[in-house]
Each structure stands twice: as C-alpha cells, then as structure tokens.
Amino acid sequence: MIFQPAIIALLLSSAICVLALAASMPFAIEVIRRWDIKSGSERQLRLERRTYLFSTLLVFVLATQLASVLLFVFNAEKMSGMFVGAMCAVGTLNVNPYGFPALNAKIALFFLAAMWLAINYVDSRARDYPLVHIKYALLLLLAPLLAASAWIEAQFFLDLKADVITSCCGSLFSEDTKTLVAEASALAPLPAMILFYGAMGLAIGVSSFHWAHGGNGGRGRGGYAVALAAALGFAAAIAGILSFISLYIYEHPHHHCPFCVLKPEYGYQGYALYLPLFVATAAGLAAGAIRPFAHVASLHVIVPEVSRRLAAIASIGFLLTTAVATVMILNSNLVLL
C-alpha cells in the first residue's frame, strides 16, 4: 500500500521539505547572529547573495506544503475503496490513530506557511530587508512543526493495513457522538445558517473595507481585523458545511460528512467550497501576520499595499464560498426549514 503513487509523492515531498529546512538551519542561525545590512564586509555580501538562494528554496518548500494538503485529502478519498467499512476519506483516516492528526497538522502548516510567505514577500520588496532576522527566527520555529507533521504523515501511511475494519462518517459525524465535530453537526439548521451567513458577511465586509480603505500609510489595525474575521469565517464555514450545507448537497437530512462532498457522485462539489475558503482564510491570516511590521520605515508603504491585496483575495474568496454554498442550497430538493 505504501507504493501507491500519491503516497510516494506525499512522502517524498515531505522528506525533501524536511531535508531542505534542515540544510537551511545553519544558514538561518548565521543570519540571525551576523546579519548587518549597514556593513560592507565580505561576510555580509556573502550572506546577502546566499539569502536570495535560500529564500527561493524556502518559498518552494512552503509552497509545496500548500499543495500537499489537497493531494493528501484527494488520496485519502481515492484509497477509501481499499478498506472494509470505509465509504469516503473519513474511513481511510480512521484506519489508524495517525490519520486525522496528520490532516490537522497539514492544515495548520498550510496557514502558517501562507503567513511566512507573506512576511517573506514584504521583506523582499524593501530596500534594506528589515525582517531578515524575524523571518529566519520564525523559520526556526516552523521547522520542528514541519518535521513533526512529516513524521505523523509517515506513521499514518506506514501503519495502513488493508485487513483493518474501519468506521466511516456515519459514526464520526453522528449527533450522538461526543466530539466537537459532532456538536457542530448537531446544530439546528436555522441557527447554523444565521451563524454561517453572519460570519461570511462579516468576513466579506471587513475584508472589502480594508481593501478599499487600507492604504493609510500603516496607520490603523485593519489587517488584524481581517485576520480575526477570516478565522471566524473559516470556523463558521466548517460548522456550516457540517450542519446544513452538506445536507443540501446529499439531499439527506442526516448525512453530515464534510468529505463525501468531494466524491464524484456528488460532482466534486466540495472542491468548489473548500478551495476558495482555504485561500481566503490564508490570505486573511497573512494580512494580519504582516500588520505588526507596518511601522518599519522601509515597509511603511509596502505593508498597507500588500495587506490591501491580501484583503481583496480574502473578500473574493469568502464571497465565492458564500455564493457556491447558496447555489447548492437553492438547487437542492431537500427542505430543512
């Protein structure tokens, strides 16, 4: 089972990313200790030249992490037919205790990588690279998380056994199950709709306002508001998918699975929901991640400009998520209210 092409690709990409970050650690420590943009020494010039190389490498590493989330879920869905009792990706992830931790770790790294890439981008646009120490210090914190995620993912794939009888979404997302996702699934349709559309409206409104009025030379805290609204919007969207959107897609009042929406029999509709949602949330969080550096002289104009662009992406992404969910509800034959 370990020789499935998608599994090999995921394990290889994780291994390459961990090795690349491990190779970057000595350089990151040297930059933190010895970087001095005002110096014209040979050592400083050497550090500056190598910074371009390592920044490109790290962008590739973290961008790979963004793509691996999608491949991981797609592969879990495709493998569900190999396990007794599995009907979707939930069954695959339930084969052993590492499945859902691996997925959660990848999602967390997705958002952390997006924030680091935003910080790296604004730093690379400044003439004096004012965030070099900060971004490489953050990289030192991110590296163990990436290594832990790769280890959990490897344990998940290495421990997959075809003779295991697994459980699927019917038990995990049942209203009788005492878990957080089950509690979200048990929300009544009307309160869940109010929460979903309220949070989406808030995220779209805050992001759109910052998009239109965020170019204020670094004053204000619009980036923080966008990040907070994006986090709330993401949580509300996941709760909405669990509690009522999935029901309209399946046209079944008791099928709450957020993974079956990715199956071909439902037209892969879940991808139309999740892709703009994740992109919008990542952009919103990134807008908040760069906000603390707006006071830096060389970033005084750059941060508001980039923050506005990220807010635009967040606004459009949340709007698309809301529109797609609404179309799915209107096209369904299910009546919940």
Foldseek 3Di string as FASTA:
>chain_A
DCPDPLNVVLLVLLVVLLVLLVVCLVLLVCCLPPADLVDPDPVNVVNVVVVVVSVVVLLVSLVVLLVNLVSLQVVLQVCQVLAAAGDGSQQLLQQDVLRVVLNVLSLVSNLVSLLLVLQVVLLVPFPRSPCSNVSSVVSVVVSVSSVVSSVSSVVSSVPHDSHGHTHYDLVVCFCPDPDPNVVLQPDALVVLVCQQVVLLVQLLVLLVVLLVPLQPLLDDQSLVSNLVSLVSNLVSLSSSQQHPLVCQLVVHNGRRDLGCCCDVVSPRLSCQQPVLSSLLNSLSNSLNSCSVVCPPPRSSRVSSVSSSVSSVSNNVSSVSNVVSSVVSNVPGPHDRD
